[in-house]
């Protein structure tokens, strides 16, 4: 009886995903046209197109037959989102106040002893929240294609309510405990440094624990699979979110 109840609750969690996918299908397709135009205008090239499959969701497919050595994507560097402030990007400098205003979480969270990868994720999450609604940002067309918001993103477990995580824990103790630990760690970072540090650059309505968890989840899901590529391109080894590339492996 308990197992049937848990199954019913998990099905309830799945329903919002189906509804959101249906509602956003057309708007995402329209937003993608703007992304293609942006890449071409900045000197890049895309040999891929966004496509939705019934099983895997949205992902990139080649627009032509490919041979060994063919280039799928050429993404201009100014369409990369960096965890450090890009001084050359004047548009972003005017939006978030310039390098002097962007928070240094290494100092704000020094008592957490965070590794470089997680610091990169946190800095990217702040930049994401700072630019998410700003139509003046060069990244805005691409940011519109990122998944959902805290209310419509049940695919990100760390945004689940404590009750829903508890249900998962009853099915798998190990997975549930891991999720608890991750959510609690990100919440602690927000409460003990991040929330205050990003007040200067993030709109007040986005500077909430709920939006923080969403931003961290988006960044972690969008950058981890390109980490090796990024580390080959940049000597500093920093994680970066790259427009269009985040849609590979049906991550979008």
Foldseek 3Di string as FASTA:
>chain_A
DLVVVLVVVVVVLCVLQVVVLVVCVVVLQVLVVVVQVLQVVVPKDAQWDWDQDPPLGIFIDGVDDDDPPDDHIGGDPLQKAWLADDQPPVLVCVQQPHRVQQFDVCVQVVVVVDDQQVSRLLSSLLSCQLCLPPPSRSNNSLSVNQDDALVRCSVQVLSDDPVNLVSVCVVPVVVSVVSVVVNVVQLCSLVRGSLVSSPSRGDPVCSDSNNSSVSSSRSVLQFPVCQVVVVVVDVVSRIIHGRPSSRHPNSD
